[in-house]
Amino acid sequence: MARQIATRTDEEDRQRLADRVLGMLEDAVYWGIAVLLVVGSVALLIAQFNTMLRLQNTSVNVVMIEILDGLLLIFIFVELLYAVRSCLRSHEIVAEPFLIVGILAGIKEIVVLSVEAAALLTKGPDFSRAVVEIGVLGGVVLVLALAAFVLRERRRDTADAGEQAVEEQGPGS
């Protein structure tokens, strides 16, 4: 009997050690991802300044599209960094930041395709294909936004239910 208890305790100790080691490795991977996202964001920001300087003698439309395209990409990197921070903090993957990244990526592509579609106005099939792609991306953005909204409402309802349960228990319970 004592031998079974000792074996069970040894097994539990090994499980706890494995859990701690894997948790530390998981955190190390998340930290590596975070560092790469920060470095990438800084590199993109520098590239955007270089793009602004390089495109000084270009039309305003081209400059604005290039800058907007790059800035939206930087927002995607920063939002991914927020998602990694959330994962490090809670040790759970939170869906909402990834939905926001999807929304930003969809908007980025809509902006780029809109400019390209304006250039394809005289080419019937290519213009039609671009308009359909913009429509599909718009639908995807709406679905992702709805999913993010539902997640926020569900989280708010869960928090409200928790507060209501505490209030019902009353003080001193």
N, C-alpha and C. Protein backbone atom coordinates (compact mmCIF):
# COMPACT_ATOMS: atom_id res chain seq x y z
N MET A 1 0.82 -1.19 0.00
CA MET A 1 0.00 0.00 0.00
C MET A 1 0.86 1.26 0.00
N ALA A 2 1.88 1.27 0.89
CA ALA A 2 2.78 2.42 0.96
C ALA A 2 3.57 2.56 -0.33
N ARG A 3 3.86 1.42 -0.94
CA ARG A 3 4.61 1.45 -2.21
C ARG A 3 3.78 2.09 -3.32
N GLN A 4 2.47 1.79 -3.35
CA GLN A 4 1.58 2.40 -4.35
C GLN A 4 1.50 3.91 -4.15
N ILE A 5 1.43 4.35 -2.92
CA ILE A 5 1.36 5.79 -2.63
C ILE A 5 2.66 6.47 -3.05
N ALA A 6 3.80 5.84 -2.79
CA ALA A 6 5.09 6.41 -3.19
C ALA A 6 5.21 6.47 -4.70
N THR A 7 4.75 5.43 -5.39
CA THR A 7 4.78 5.41 -6.86
C THR A 7 3.89 6.51 -7.42
N ARG A 8 2.71 6.67 -6.83
CA ARG A 8 1.78 7.71 -7.29
C ARG A 8 2.38 9.09 -7.06
N THR A 9 3.03 9.31 -5.93
CA THR A 9 3.66 10.59 -5.62
C THR A 9 4.80 10.88 -6.59
N ASP A 10 5.61 9.86 -6.90
CA ASP A 10 6.70 10.04 -7.87
C ASP A 10 6.14 10.42 -9.24
N GLU A 11 5.06 9.76 -9.64
CA GLU A 11 4.44 10.06 -10.93
C GLU A 11 3.90 11.49 -10.96
N GLU A 12 3.28 11.92 -9.88
CA GLU A 12 2.76 13.29 -9.80
C GLU A 12 3.89 14.30 -9.84
N ASP A 13 4.99 13.99 -9.18
CA ASP A 13 6.16 14.88 -9.21
C ASP A 13 6.71 15.00 -10.62
N ARG A 14 6.79 13.88 -11.33
CA ARG A 14 7.28 13.92 -12.73
C ARG A 14 6.33 14.73 -13.61
N GLN A 15 5.02 14.57 -13.39
CA GLN A 15 4.04 15.33 -14.17
C GLN A 15 4.17 16.83 -13.90
N ARG A 16 4.36 17.21 -12.65
CA ARG A 16 4.53 18.63 -12.32
C ARG A 16 5.79 19.20 -12.93
N LEU A 17 6.89 18.42 -12.87
CA LEU A 17 8.15 18.86 -13.46
C LEU A 17 8.01 19.03 -14.97
N ALA A 18 7.40 18.04 -15.62
CA ALA A 18 7.18 18.12 -17.07
C ALA A 18 6.32 19.32 -17.41
N ASP A 19 5.28 19.57 -16.60
CA ASP A 19 4.41 20.71 -16.85
C ASP A 19 5.17 22.03 -16.71
N ARG A 20 6.01 22.15 -15.68
CA ARG A 20 6.80 23.37 -15.50
C ARG A 20 7.78 23.58 -16.64
N VAL A 21 8.47 22.51 -17.04
CA VAL A 21 9.47 22.62 -18.12
C VAL A 21 8.78 23.01 -19.43
N LEU A 22 7.68 22.33 -19.75
CA LEU A 22 6.97 22.66 -20.99
C LEU A 22 6.38 24.07 -20.94
N GLY A 23 5.92 24.50 -19.77
CA GLY A 23 5.42 25.87 -19.62
C GLY A 23 6.51 26.90 -19.87
N MET A 24 7.71 26.62 -19.34
CA MET A 24 8.84 27.55 -19.57
C MET A 24 9.23 27.57 -21.05
N LEU A 25 9.22 26.40 -21.70
CA LEU A 25 9.54 26.36 -23.13
C LEU A 25 8.48 27.09 -23.95
N GLU A 26 7.23 26.93 -23.57
CA GLU A 26 6.15 27.65 -24.25
C GLU A 26 6.34 29.16 -24.11
N ASP A 27 6.64 29.61 -22.90
CA ASP A 27 6.89 31.03 -22.69
C ASP A 27 8.09 31.51 -23.50
N ALA A 28 9.14 30.69 -23.59
CA ALA A 28 10.33 31.08 -24.37
C ALA A 28 9.97 31.24 -25.85
N VAL A 29 9.13 30.35 -26.36
CA VAL A 29 8.71 30.47 -27.77
C VAL A 29 7.89 31.73 -27.96
N TYR A 30 6.94 31.99 -27.05
CA TYR A 30 6.14 33.22 -27.16
C TYR A 30 7.02 34.47 -27.08
N TRP A 31 8.02 34.45 -26.20
CA TRP A 31 8.93 35.60 -26.11
C TRP A 31 9.70 35.78 -27.41
N GLY A 32 10.14 34.67 -28.01
CA GLY A 32 10.84 34.75 -29.30
C GLY A 32 9.95 35.35 -30.38
N ILE A 33 8.69 34.91 -30.41
CA ILE A 33 7.74 35.47 -31.37
C ILE A 33 7.55 36.95 -31.12
N ALA A 34 7.43 37.33 -29.85
CA ALA A 34 7.23 38.75 -29.50
C ALA A 34 8.42 39.59 -29.96
N VAL A 35 9.62 39.10 -29.74
CA VAL A 35 10.82 39.85 -30.16
C VAL A 35 10.83 40.01 -31.68
N LEU A 36 10.52 38.94 -32.39
CA LEU A 36 10.49 39.03 -33.86
C LEU A 36 9.42 40.00 -34.34
N LEU A 37 8.27 40.02 -33.68
CA LEU A 37 7.22 40.96 -34.08
C LEU A 37 7.63 42.40 -33.80
N VAL A 38 8.30 42.65 -32.69
CA VAL A 38 8.77 44.01 -32.40
C VAL A 38 9.82 44.43 -33.43
N VAL A 39 10.79 43.55 -33.71
CA VAL A 39 11.82 43.87 -34.70
C VAL A 39 11.18 44.10 -36.07
N GLY A 40 10.24 43.24 -36.44
CA GLY A 40 9.54 43.41 -37.71
C GLY A 40 8.76 44.71 -37.79
N SER A 41 8.11 45.09 -36.68
CA SER A 41 7.34 46.34 -36.65
C SER A 41 8.26 47.55 -36.83
N VAL A 42 9.38 47.53 -36.14
CA VAL A 42 10.33 48.64 -36.26
C VAL A 42 10.89 48.70 -37.68
N ALA A 43 11.22 47.55 -38.25
CA ALA A 43 11.73 47.51 -39.63
C ALA A 43 10.69 48.04 -40.61
N LEU A 44 9.43 47.67 -40.41
CA LEU A 44 8.37 48.17 -41.29
C LEU A 44 8.17 49.67 -41.13
N LEU A 45 8.28 50.17 -39.91
CA LEU A 45 8.13 51.60 -39.67
C LEU A 45 9.25 52.37 -40.37
N ILE A 46 10.47 51.87 -40.28
CA ILE A 46 11.59 52.50 -40.98
C ILE A 46 11.38 52.44 -42.48
N ALA A 47 10.90 51.30 -42.96
CA ALA A 47 10.63 51.15 -44.40
C ALA A 47 9.56 52.14 -44.86
N GLN A 48 8.57 52.41 -44.00
CA GLN A 48 7.53 53.38 -44.36
C GLN A 48 8.10 54.79 -44.48
N PHE A 49 9.00 55.15 -43.59
CA PHE A 49 9.64 56.47 -43.71
C PHE A 49 10.46 56.54 -44.99
N ASN A 50 11.17 55.47 -45.31
CA ASN A 50 11.94 55.44 -46.56
C ASN A 50 11.02 55.53 -47.77
N THR A 51 9.88 54.88 -47.72
CA THR A 51 8.91 54.94 -48.81
C THR A 51 8.40 56.36 -48.99
N MET A 52 8.11 57.03 -47.89
CA MET A 52 7.64 58.42 -47.99
C MET A 52 8.70 59.30 -48.65
N LEU A 53 9.96 59.10 -48.29
CA LEU A 53 11.03 59.90 -48.87
C LEU A 53 11.25 59.56 -50.34
N ARG A 54 11.15 58.28 -50.66
CA ARG A 54 11.39 57.82 -52.03
C ARG A 54 10.28 58.28 -52.98
N LEU A 55 9.08 58.40 -52.46
CA LEU A 55 7.92 58.74 -53.31
C LEU A 55 7.56 60.22 -53.26
N GLN A 56 8.51 61.08 -52.94
CA GLN A 56 8.22 62.51 -52.83
C GLN A 56 7.69 63.10 -54.13
N ASN A 57 8.21 62.67 -55.25
CA ASN A 57 7.82 63.25 -56.54
C ASN A 57 6.78 62.41 -57.25
N THR A 58 6.02 61.62 -56.51
CA THR A 58 4.99 60.76 -57.07
C THR A 58 3.63 61.36 -56.75
N SER A 59 2.62 60.91 -57.47
CA SER A 59 1.28 61.45 -57.23
C SER A 59 0.81 61.11 -55.81
N VAL A 60 -0.04 61.97 -55.29
CA VAL A 60 -0.52 61.84 -53.92
C VAL A 60 -1.26 60.51 -53.73
N ASN A 61 -2.02 60.08 -54.74
CA ASN A 61 -2.77 58.83 -54.63
C ASN A 61 -1.85 57.65 -54.39
N VAL A 62 -0.77 57.58 -55.15
CA VAL A 62 0.18 56.47 -55.01
C VAL A 62 0.85 56.52 -53.64
N VAL A 63 1.26 57.70 -53.20
CA VAL A 63 1.91 57.85 -51.90
C VAL A 63 0.97 57.41 -50.78
N MET A 64 -0.27 57.88 -50.82
CA MET A 64 -1.22 57.54 -49.76
C MET A 64 -1.51 56.04 -49.72
N ILE A 65 -1.66 55.42 -50.87
CA ILE A 65 -1.93 53.98 -50.91
C ILE A 65 -0.74 53.20 -50.37
N GLU A 66 0.46 53.58 -50.78
CA GLU A 66 1.67 52.89 -50.29
C GLU A 66 1.81 53.04 -48.78
N ILE A 67 1.58 54.24 -48.28
CA ILE A 67 1.72 54.48 -46.85
C ILE A 67 0.62 53.75 -46.08
N LEU A 68 -0.62 53.83 -46.56
CA LEU A 68 -1.72 53.15 -45.89
C LEU A 68 -1.51 51.64 -45.87
N ASP A 69 -1.04 51.11 -46.97
CA ASP A 69 -0.77 49.68 -47.07
C ASP A 69 0.29 49.27 -46.03
N GLY A 70 1.35 50.05 -45.94
CA GLY A 70 2.40 49.75 -44.98
C GLY A 70 1.96 49.94 -43.54
N LEU A 71 1.20 51.00 -43.27
CA LEU A 71 0.74 51.25 -41.90
C LEU A 71 -0.23 50.17 -41.43
N LEU A 72 -1.09 49.71 -42.33
CA LEU A 72 -2.00 48.62 -41.95
C LEU A 72 -1.22 47.35 -41.65
N LEU A 73 -0.15 47.12 -42.37
CA LEU A 73 0.71 45.97 -42.09
C LEU A 73 1.36 46.11 -40.72
N ILE A 74 1.78 47.33 -40.37
CA ILE A 74 2.36 47.57 -39.05
C ILE A 74 1.29 47.32 -37.97
N PHE A 75 0.06 47.78 -38.21
CA PHE A 75 -1.03 47.52 -37.26
C PHE A 75 -1.24 46.02 -37.07
N ILE A 76 -1.14 45.26 -38.14
CA ILE A 76 -1.28 43.81 -38.04
C ILE A 76 -0.19 43.23 -37.14
N PHE A 77 1.05 43.67 -37.33
CA PHE A 77 2.15 43.20 -36.50
C PHE A 77 1.91 43.55 -35.03
N VAL A 78 1.48 44.78 -34.77
CA VAL A 78 1.26 45.22 -33.40
C VAL A 78 0.10 44.45 -32.77
N GLU A 79 -0.94 44.19 -33.53
CA GLU A 79 -2.07 43.43 -33.00
C GLU A 79 -1.66 41.98 -32.72
N LEU A 80 -0.80 41.42 -33.56
CA LEU A 80 -0.27 40.08 -33.29
C LEU A 80 0.58 40.09 -32.02
N LEU A 81 1.32 41.17 -31.82
CA LEU A 81 2.11 41.31 -30.59
C LEU A 81 1.19 41.33 -29.37
N TYR A 82 0.07 42.03 -29.49
CA TYR A 82 -0.91 42.05 -28.40
C TYR A 82 -1.45 40.64 -28.14
N ALA A 83 -1.70 39.89 -29.20
CA ALA A 83 -2.19 38.52 -29.05
C ALA A 83 -1.16 37.66 -28.32
N VAL A 84 0.11 37.84 -28.66
CA VAL A 84 1.17 37.08 -27.99
C VAL A 84 1.24 37.48 -26.52
N ARG A 85 1.13 38.78 -26.24
CA ARG A 85 1.12 39.24 -24.84
C ARG A 85 -0.03 38.60 -24.07
N SER A 86 -1.20 38.54 -24.70
CA SER A 86 -2.36 37.93 -24.04
C SER A 86 -2.10 36.46 -23.75
N CYS A 87 -1.47 35.78 -24.70
CA CYS A 87 -1.16 34.36 -24.50
C CYS A 87 -0.15 34.19 -23.37
N LEU A 88 0.84 35.05 -23.29
CA LEU A 88 1.83 34.97 -22.21
C LEU A 88 1.19 35.25 -20.85
N ARG A 89 0.27 36.21 -20.83
CA ARG A 89 -0.35 36.61 -19.57
C ARG A 89 -1.31 35.53 -19.05
N SER A 90 -2.17 35.03 -19.91
CA SER A 90 -3.22 34.12 -19.45
C SER A 90 -2.91 32.65 -19.71
N HIS A 91 -1.88 32.38 -20.48
CA HIS A 91 -1.53 31.01 -20.89
C HIS A 91 -2.70 30.35 -21.61
N GLU A 92 -3.45 31.16 -22.35
CA GLU A 92 -4.54 30.70 -23.20
C GLU A 92 -4.46 31.46 -24.51
N ILE A 93 -4.91 30.82 -25.56
CA ILE A 93 -5.00 31.55 -26.82
C ILE A 93 -6.35 32.25 -26.83
N VAL A 94 -6.30 33.57 -26.97
CA VAL A 94 -7.51 34.39 -27.00
C VAL A 94 -7.83 34.68 -28.46
N ALA A 95 -9.06 34.43 -28.85
CA ALA A 95 -9.44 34.52 -30.26
C ALA A 95 -9.58 35.96 -30.76
N GLU A 96 -10.02 36.86 -29.90
CA GLU A 96 -10.35 38.22 -30.34
C GLU A 96 -9.20 38.96 -31.04
N PRO A 97 -7.98 38.95 -30.51
CA PRO A 97 -6.91 39.65 -31.23
C PRO A 97 -6.66 39.09 -32.64
N PHE A 98 -6.84 37.78 -32.80
CA PHE A 98 -6.64 37.19 -34.11
C PHE A 98 -7.77 37.58 -35.07
N LEU A 99 -8.97 37.74 -34.54
CA LEU A 99 -10.07 38.24 -35.37
C LEU A 99 -9.79 39.66 -35.84
N ILE A 100 -9.25 40.47 -34.94
CA ILE A 100 -8.91 41.84 -35.31
C ILE A 100 -7.81 41.87 -36.37
N VAL A 101 -6.84 40.96 -36.24
CA VAL A 101 -5.79 40.86 -37.26
C VAL A 101 -6.42 40.50 -38.60
N GLY A 102 -7.37 39.59 -38.60
CA GLY A 102 -8.07 39.22 -39.84
C GLY A 102 -8.83 40.39 -40.43
N ILE A 103 -9.47 41.18 -39.57
CA ILE A 103 -10.20 42.37 -40.04
C ILE A 103 -9.22 43.35 -40.68
N LEU A 104 -8.11 43.61 -39.99
CA LEU A 104 -7.11 44.54 -40.53
C LEU A 104 -6.54 44.04 -41.87
N ALA A 105 -6.26 42.75 -41.94
CA ALA A 105 -5.72 42.18 -43.18
C ALA A 105 -6.74 42.30 -44.31
N GLY A 106 -8.01 42.06 -43.99
CA GLY A 106 -9.06 42.21 -45.01
C GLY A 106 -9.19 43.64 -45.49
N ILE A 107 -9.16 44.59 -44.56
CA ILE A 107 -9.25 46.01 -44.92
C ILE A 107 -8.05 46.40 -45.77
N LYS A 108 -6.89 45.92 -45.40
CA LYS A 108 -5.67 46.22 -46.15
C LYS A 108 -5.81 45.76 -47.60
N GLU A 109 -6.29 44.55 -47.78
CA GLU A 109 -6.45 44.02 -49.14
C GLU A 109 -7.55 44.76 -49.90
N ILE A 110 -8.61 45.15 -49.21
CA ILE A 110 -9.68 45.92 -49.86
C ILE A 110 -9.14 47.23 -50.40
N VAL A 111 -8.33 47.91 -49.57
CA VAL A 111 -7.76 49.20 -50.00
C VAL A 111 -6.88 49.00 -51.23
N VAL A 112 -6.01 48.02 -51.19
CA VAL A 112 -5.10 47.78 -52.32
C VAL A 112 -5.89 47.40 -53.57
N LEU A 113 -6.86 46.50 -53.41
CA LEU A 113 -7.66 46.06 -54.57
C LEU A 113 -8.52 47.19 -55.13
N SER A 114 -8.98 48.07 -54.26
CA SER A 114 -9.80 49.20 -54.74
C SER A 114 -8.99 50.09 -55.68
N VAL A 115 -7.74 50.34 -55.33
CA VAL A 115 -6.89 51.17 -56.18
C VAL A 115 -6.60 50.43 -57.49
N GLU A 116 -6.31 49.14 -57.38
CA GLU A 116 -6.04 48.35 -58.59
C GLU A 116 -7.28 48.27 -59.47
N ALA A 117 -8.46 48.15 -58.85
CA ALA A 117 -9.71 48.07 -59.62
C ALA A 117 -9.96 49.36 -60.38
N ALA A 118 -9.62 50.49 -59.78
CA ALA A 118 -9.79 51.77 -60.46
C ALA A 118 -8.93 51.81 -61.72
N ALA A 119 -7.75 51.20 -61.68
CA ALA A 119 -6.88 51.16 -62.85
C ALA A 119 -7.40 50.18 -63.89
N LEU A 120 -8.19 49.18 -63.47
CA LEU A 120 -8.71 48.15 -64.37
C LEU A 120 -10.10 48.49 -64.91
N LEU A 121 -10.56 49.70 -64.68
CA LEU A 121 -11.92 50.08 -65.04
C LEU A 121 -12.24 49.81 -66.51
N THR A 122 -11.28 49.98 -67.39
CA THR A 122 -11.53 49.79 -68.83
C THR A 122 -11.43 48.32 -69.24
N LYS A 123 -10.87 47.47 -68.38
CA LYS A 123 -10.72 46.05 -68.70
C LYS A 123 -11.84 45.29 -68.00
N GLY A 124 -12.88 44.96 -68.72
CA GLY A 124 -14.10 44.36 -68.18
C GLY A 124 -13.91 43.17 -67.26
N PRO A 125 -13.39 42.03 -67.75
CA PRO A 125 -13.30 40.85 -66.89
C PRO A 125 -12.38 41.04 -65.68
N ASP A 126 -11.26 41.71 -65.87
CA ASP A 126 -10.35 41.94 -64.75
C ASP A 126 -10.98 42.84 -63.70
N PHE A 127 -11.70 43.87 -64.16
CA PHE A 127 -12.39 44.76 -63.23
C PHE A 127 -13.47 44.00 -62.46
N SER A 128 -14.23 43.17 -63.17
CA SER A 128 -15.29 42.39 -62.52
C SER A 128 -14.71 41.45 -61.47
N ARG A 129 -13.60 40.81 -61.80
CA ARG A 129 -12.96 39.90 -60.86
C ARG A 129 -12.50 40.67 -59.61
N ALA A 130 -11.94 41.86 -59.80
CA ALA A 130 -11.49 42.68 -58.67
C ALA A 130 -12.67 43.10 -57.80
N VAL A 131 -13.79 43.46 -58.42
CA VAL A 131 -14.97 43.88 -57.67
C VAL A 131 -15.53 42.71 -56.86
N VAL A 132 -15.56 41.52 -57.46
CA VAL A 132 -16.03 40.34 -56.72
C VAL A 132 -15.10 40.05 -55.55
N GLU A 133 -13.81 40.15 -55.77
CA GLU A 133 -12.85 39.91 -54.69
C GLU A 133 -13.03 40.93 -53.56
N ILE A 134 -13.26 42.18 -53.91
CA ILE A 134 -13.51 43.21 -52.90
C ILE A 134 -14.78 42.88 -52.12
N GLY A 135 -15.81 42.44 -52.83
CA GLY A 135 -17.06 42.06 -52.17
C GLY A 135 -16.89 40.89 -51.21
N VAL A 136 -16.14 39.88 -51.63
CA VAL A 136 -15.89 38.72 -50.77
C VAL A 136 -15.10 39.15 -49.54
N LEU A 137 -14.06 39.96 -49.75
CA LEU A 137 -13.27 40.45 -48.62
C LEU A 137 -14.13 41.28 -47.67
N GLY A 138 -15.02 42.10 -48.23
CA GLY A 138 -15.93 42.88 -47.39
C GLY A 138 -16.82 41.97 -46.55
N GLY A 139 -17.31 40.89 -47.15
CA GLY A 139 -18.11 39.92 -46.41
C GLY A 139 -17.31 39.25 -45.30
N VAL A 140 -16.07 38.90 -45.60
CA VAL A 140 -15.20 38.29 -44.59
C VAL A 140 -14.96 39.25 -43.44
N VAL A 141 -14.70 40.52 -43.76
CA VAL A 141 -14.49 41.53 -42.71
C VAL A 141 -15.73 41.65 -41.84
N LEU A 142 -16.91 41.66 -42.45
CA LEU A 142 -18.15 41.76 -41.67
C LEU A 142 -18.35 40.54 -40.77
N VAL A 143 -18.07 39.35 -41.28
CA VAL A 143 -18.23 38.13 -40.47
C VAL A 143 -17.24 38.15 -39.30
N LEU A 144 -15.99 38.55 -39.57
CA LEU A 144 -14.99 38.62 -38.49
C LEU A 144 -15.39 39.66 -37.45
N ALA A 145 -15.91 40.80 -37.91
CA ALA A 145 -16.35 41.85 -36.97
C ALA A 145 -17.52 41.34 -36.12
N LEU A 146 -18.44 40.62 -36.73
CA LEU A 146 -19.56 40.05 -35.99
C LEU A 146 -19.07 39.04 -34.96
N ALA A 147 -18.11 38.21 -35.35
CA ALA A 147 -17.55 37.23 -34.42
C ALA A 147 -16.86 37.93 -33.25
N ALA A 148 -16.11 39.00 -33.52
CA ALA A 148 -15.45 39.75 -32.44
C ALA A 148 -16.49 40.38 -31.51
N PHE A 149 -17.56 40.90 -32.09
CA PHE A 149 -18.63 41.50 -31.30
C PHE A 149 -19.29 40.46 -30.40
N VAL A 150 -19.59 39.29 -30.95
CA VAL A 150 -20.22 38.22 -30.18
C VAL A 150 -19.30 37.78 -29.03
N LEU A 151 -18.00 37.65 -29.31
CA LEU A 151 -17.06 37.27 -28.25
C LEU A 151 -17.04 38.31 -27.13
N ARG A 152 -17.03 39.58 -27.49
CA ARG A 152 -17.03 40.64 -26.47
C ARG A 152 -18.30 40.61 -25.64
N GLU A 153 -19.45 40.44 -26.30
CA GLU A 153 -20.72 40.40 -25.58
C GLU A 153 -20.78 39.19 -24.66
N ARG A 154 -20.30 38.05 -25.14
CA ARG A 154 -20.31 36.85 -24.31
C ARG A 154 -19.42 37.03 -23.09
N ARG A 155 -18.26 37.65 -23.29
CA ARG A 155 -17.36 37.90 -22.16
C ARG A 155 -18.01 38.88 -21.18
N ARG A 156 -18.67 39.91 -21.71
CA ARG A 156 -19.35 40.89 -20.85
C ARG A 156 -20.48 40.22 -20.07
N ASP A 157 -21.27 39.35 -20.74
CA ASP A 157 -22.35 38.65 -20.06
C ASP A 157 -21.81 37.73 -18.97
N THR A 158 -20.68 37.07 -19.24
CA THR A 158 -20.07 36.19 -18.25
C THR A 158 -19.59 37.00 -17.05
N ALA A 159 -18.98 38.15 -17.30
CA ALA A 159 -18.51 39.01 -16.20
C ALA A 159 -19.70 39.53 -15.40
N ASP A 160 -20.78 39.93 -16.09
CA ASP A 160 -21.97 40.42 -15.40
C ASP A 160 -22.59 39.32 -14.54
N ALA A 161 -22.62 38.09 -15.04
CA ALA A 161 -23.19 36.98 -14.28
C ALA A 161 -22.35 36.71 -13.04
N GLY A 162 -21.03 36.83 -13.16
CA GLY A 162 -20.15 36.64 -12.00
C GLY A 162 -20.38 37.70 -10.94
N GLU A 163 -20.53 38.96 -11.37
CA GLU A 163 -20.78 40.05 -10.43
C GLU A 163 -22.14 39.86 -9.75
N GLN A 164 -23.14 39.41 -10.52
CA GLN A 164 -24.47 39.21 -9.96
C GLN A 164 -24.45 38.08 -8.93
N ALA A 165 -23.69 37.03 -9.18
CA ALA A 165 -23.59 35.93 -8.23
C ALA A 165 -22.94 36.39 -6.93
N VAL A 166 -21.92 37.24 -7.03
CA VAL A 166 -21.27 37.77 -5.83
C VAL A 166 -22.25 38.63 -5.04
N GLU A 167 -23.04 39.46 -5.74
CA GLU A 167 -24.01 40.32 -5.06
C GLU A 167 -25.09 39.49 -4.38
N GLU A 168 -25.52 38.40 -4.99
CA GLU A 168 -26.57 37.56 -4.42
C GLU A 168 -26.08 36.85 -3.16
N GLN A 169 -24.78 36.53 -3.12
CA GLN A 169 -24.25 35.87 -1.93
C GLN A 169 -24.25 36.83 -0.75
N GLY A 170 -24.10 38.08 -1.04
CA GLY A 170 -24.14 39.09 0.01
C GLY A 170 -22.82 39.17 0.76
N PRO A 171 -22.69 40.21 1.61
CA PRO A 171 -21.46 40.37 2.37
C PRO A 171 -21.33 39.31 3.46
N GLY A 172 -20.10 38.92 3.69
CA GLY A 172 -19.83 37.98 4.76
C GLY A 172 -20.10 36.54 4.41
N SER A 173 -20.45 36.24 3.17
CA SER A 173 -20.73 34.85 2.79
C SER A 173 -19.47 34.09 2.52
